[in-house]
């Protein structure tokens, strides 16, 4: 993923998470907020509880590949933080991709009260 499409700074992660708008399922928690730049950005977080550095980097590569297939950065209207849960480890790539797609769709179709 290009650097311009990433949320990289801790302050940006904290700002998006502090808005407390999220969608969750067994494999992912997706925090979202309105985008601040002309394109969407995505940050990925994988806990040390999910494995050593090799495993965490593999998970991040897989999630990035899912994001490429699901999001058009120029058209998408939100900044996302994707936190990977333990449920991710017990599922196949295709199942996890479907879970991420459902979570992102819920974030897009935000319920207005």
C-alpha atoms as a PDB file:
ATOM      1  CA  UNK A   1       0.000   0.000   0.000  1.00  0.00           C
ATOM      2  CA  UNK A   2       1.381   3.424  -0.868  1.00  0.00           C
ATOM      3  CA  UNK A   3       2.523   5.549   2.059  1.00  0.00           C
ATOM      4  CA  UNK A   4       0.010   8.246   1.199  1.00  0.00           C
ATOM      5  CA  UNK A   5      -2.813   5.738   1.776  1.00  0.00           C
ATOM      6  CA  UNK A   6      -1.579   4.739   5.257  1.00  0.00           C
ATOM      7  CA  UNK A   7      -2.338   6.116   8.674  1.00  0.00           C
ATOM      8  CA  UNK A   8       1.139   6.104  10.167  1.00  0.00           C
ATOM      9  CA  UNK A   9       1.363   8.453  13.134  1.00  0.00           C
ATOM     10  CA  UNK A  10       0.266   7.463  16.615  1.00  0.00           C
ATOM     11  CA  UNK A  11      -1.652  10.743  16.940  1.00  0.00           C
ATOM     12  CA  UNK A  12      -3.702   9.889  13.838  1.00  0.00           C
ATOM     13  CA  UNK A  13      -4.489   6.410  15.187  1.00  0.00           C
ATOM     14  CA  UNK A  14      -5.537   7.959  18.510  1.00  0.00           C
ATOM     15  CA  UNK A  15      -7.714  10.626  16.835  1.00  0.00           C
ATOM     16  CA  UNK A  16      -9.640   8.086  14.752  1.00  0.00           C
ATOM     17  CA  UNK A  17     -10.085   5.656  17.657  1.00  0.00           C
ATOM     18  CA  UNK A  18     -11.107   8.443  20.059  1.00  0.00           C
ATOM     19  CA  UNK A  19     -14.126   9.287  17.882  1.00  0.00           C
ATOM     20  CA  UNK A  20     -15.527   5.924  19.035  1.00  0.00           C
ATOM     21  CA  UNK A  21     -17.247   5.051  15.786  1.00  0.00           C
ATOM     22  CA  UNK A  22     -16.596   1.386  15.152  1.00  0.00           C
ATOM     23  CA  UNK A  23     -17.835  -1.844  13.648  1.00  0.00           C
ATOM     24  CA  UNK A  24     -16.752  -5.250  14.962  1.00  0.00           C
ATOM     25  CA  UNK A  25     -17.009  -8.950  14.184  1.00  0.00           C
ATOM     26  CA  UNK A  26     -15.072 -12.073  15.178  1.00  0.00           C
ATOM     27  CA  UNK A  27     -11.956 -11.242  13.176  1.00  0.00           C
ATOM     28  CA  UNK A  28     -11.775  -7.443  13.038  1.00  0.00           C
ATOM     29  CA  UNK A  29     -12.609  -4.181  14.759  1.00  0.00           C
ATOM     30  CA  UNK A  30     -12.851  -1.305  12.274  1.00  0.00           C
ATOM     31  CA  UNK A  31     -12.717   2.257  13.606  1.00  0.00           C
ATOM     32  CA  UNK A  32     -13.605   4.964  11.107  1.00  0.00           C
ATOM     33  CA  UNK A  33     -13.856   8.714  10.780  1.00  0.00           C
ATOM     34  CA  UNK A  34     -14.383  11.200   7.979  1.00  0.00           C
ATOM     35  CA  UNK A  35     -11.295  11.536   5.850  1.00  0.00           C
ATOM     36  CA  UNK A  36      -8.984  14.497   6.339  1.00  0.00           C
ATOM     37  CA  UNK A  37      -7.187  14.290   2.984  1.00  0.00           C
ATOM     38  CA  UNK A  38      -8.362  14.023  -0.631  1.00  0.00           C
ATOM     39  CA  UNK A  39      -8.229  10.221  -0.412  1.00  0.00           C
ATOM     40  CA  UNK A  40      -8.997   7.557   2.173  1.00  0.00           C
ATOM     41  CA  UNK A  41      -6.300   6.174   4.454  1.00  0.00           C
ATOM     42  CA  UNK A  42      -6.016   2.875   6.324  1.00  0.00           C
ATOM     43  CA  UNK A  43      -4.067   1.858   9.428  1.00  0.00           C
ATOM     44  CA  UNK A  44      -3.592  -1.766  10.474  1.00  0.00           C
ATOM     45  CA  UNK A  45      -2.894  -2.911  14.023  1.00  0.00           C
ATOM     46  CA  UNK A  46      -1.993  -6.472  15.028  1.00  0.00           C
ATOM     47  CA  UNK A  47      -1.494  -7.314  18.704  1.00  0.00           C
ATOM     48  CA  UNK A  48       1.534  -9.198  20.004  1.00  0.00           C
ATOM     49  CA  UNK A  49      -0.950 -11.732  21.374  1.00  0.00           C
ATOM     50  CA  UNK A  50      -1.465 -13.005  17.812  1.00  0.00           C
ATOM     51  CA  UNK A  51       2.105 -14.212  17.384  1.00  0.00           C
ATOM     52  CA  UNK A  52       5.695 -13.218  16.923  1.00  0.00           C
ATOM     53  CA  UNK A  53       6.893 -10.564  14.462  1.00  0.00           C
ATOM     54  CA  UNK A  54       6.895 -12.986  11.526  1.00  0.00           C
ATOM     55  CA  UNK A  55       3.263 -13.947  12.124  1.00  0.00           C
ATOM     56  CA  UNK A  56       2.146 -10.347  12.664  1.00  0.00           C
ATOM     57  CA  UNK A  57       3.832  -9.179   9.458  1.00  0.00           C
ATOM     58  CA  UNK A  58       2.195 -12.042   7.529  1.00  0.00           C
ATOM     59  CA  UNK A  59      -1.198 -11.031   8.894  1.00  0.00           C
ATOM     60  CA  UNK A  60      -0.593  -7.384   7.915  1.00  0.00           C
ATOM     61  CA  UNK A  61       0.363  -8.418   4.363  1.00  0.00           C
ATOM     62  CA  UNK A  62      -2.812 -10.490   4.089  1.00  0.00           C
ATOM     63  CA  UNK A  63      -4.997  -7.657   5.386  1.00  0.00           C
ATOM     64  CA  UNK A  64      -3.350  -5.197   2.965  1.00  0.00           C
ATOM     65  CA  UNK A  65      -4.126  -7.581   0.104  1.00  0.00           C
ATOM     66  CA  UNK A  66      -7.764  -7.730   1.230  1.00  0.00           C
ATOM     67  CA  UNK A  67      -7.905  -3.933   1.371  1.00  0.00           C
ATOM     68  CA  UNK A  68      -6.582  -3.605  -2.188  1.00  0.00           C
ATOM     69  CA  UNK A  69      -9.433  -5.796  -3.394  1.00  0.00           C
ATOM     70  CA  UNK A  70     -12.141  -4.029  -1.360  1.00  0.00           C
ATOM     71  CA  UNK A  71     -11.375  -0.285  -1.293  1.00  0.00           C
ATOM     72  CA  UNK A  72     -10.958   2.359  -3.960  1.00  0.00           C
ATOM     73  CA  UNK A  73      -8.964   4.953  -2.008  1.00  0.00           C
ATOM     74  CA  UNK A  74     -10.005   7.899  -4.180  1.00  0.00           C
ATOM     75  CA  UNK A  75     -13.739   7.192  -3.882  1.00  0.00           C
ATOM     76  CA  UNK A  76     -13.968   5.946  -0.296  1.00  0.00           C
ATOM     77  CA  UNK A  77     -15.025   8.646   2.173  1.00  0.00           C
ATOM     78  CA  UNK A  78     -13.545   7.412   5.478  1.00  0.00           C
ATOM     79  CA  UNK A  79     -10.207   6.923   7.216  1.00  0.00           C
ATOM     80  CA  UNK A  80     -10.021   3.446   8.770  1.00  0.00           C
ATOM     81  CA  UNK A  81      -8.127   1.743  11.571  1.00  0.00           C
ATOM     82  CA  UNK A  82      -8.345  -2.046  11.297  1.00  0.00           C
ATOM     83  CA  UNK A  83      -7.525  -4.015  14.441  1.00  0.00           C
ATOM     84  CA  UNK A  84      -7.106  -7.752  13.932  1.00  0.00           C
ATOM     85  CA  UNK A  85      -8.674 -10.022  16.575  1.00  0.00           C
ATOM     86  CA  UNK A  86      -7.764 -13.572  17.632  1.00  0.00           C
ATOM     87  CA  UNK A  87     -10.669 -14.971  15.614  1.00  0.00           C
ATOM     88  CA  UNK A  88      -8.628 -14.168  12.484  1.00  0.00           C
ATOM     89  CA  UNK A  89      -6.223 -17.049  13.163  1.00  0.00           C
ATOM     90  CA  UNK A  90      -8.847 -19.801  13.049  1.00  0.00           C
ATOM     91  CA  UNK A  91     -10.278 -18.870   9.647  1.00  0.00           C
ATOM     92  CA  UNK A  92      -9.229 -19.180   6.033  1.00  0.00           C
ATOM     93  CA  UNK A  93      -8.182 -16.152   3.966  1.00  0.00           C
ATOM     94  CA  UNK A  94     -11.480 -16.066   2.070  1.00  0.00           C
ATOM     95  CA  UNK A  95     -13.550 -16.144   5.275  1.00  0.00           C
ATOM     96  CA  UNK A  96     -11.489 -13.320   6.770  1.00  0.00           C
ATOM     97  CA  UNK A  97     -11.849 -11.318   3.562  1.00  0.00           C
ATOM     98  CA  UNK A  98     -15.644 -11.704   3.739  1.00  0.00           C
ATOM     99  CA  UNK A  99     -15.615 -10.598   7.398  1.00  0.00           C
ATOM    100  CA  UNK A 100     -13.545  -7.519   6.534  1.00  0.00           C
ATOM    101  CA  UNK A 101     -15.806  -6.695   3.585  1.00  0.00           C
ATOM    102  CA  UNK A 102     -18.904  -6.829   5.811  1.00  0.00           C
ATOM    103  CA  UNK A 103     -17.266  -4.610   8.432  1.00  0.00           C
ATOM    104  CA  UNK A 104     -16.166  -2.036   5.842  1.00  0.00           C
ATOM    105  CA  UNK A 105     -19.640  -1.979   4.267  1.00  0.00           C
ATOM    106  CA  UNK A 106     -21.156  -1.290   7.690  1.00  0.00           C
ATOM    107  CA  UNK A 107     -18.692   1.559   8.166  1.00  0.00           C
ATOM    108  CA  UNK A 108     -19.653   3.016   4.763  1.00  0.00           C
ATOM    109  CA  UNK A 109     -23.373   2.778   5.461  1.00  0.00           C
ATOM    110  CA  UNK A 110     -23.161   4.658   8.736  1.00  0.00           C
ATOM    111  CA  UNK A 111     -26.466   4.886  10.579  1.00  0.00           C
ATOM    112  CA  UNK A 112     -27.579   8.465  11.057  1.00  0.00           C
ATOM    113  CA  UNK A 113     -29.949   9.104  13.897  1.00  0.00           C
END
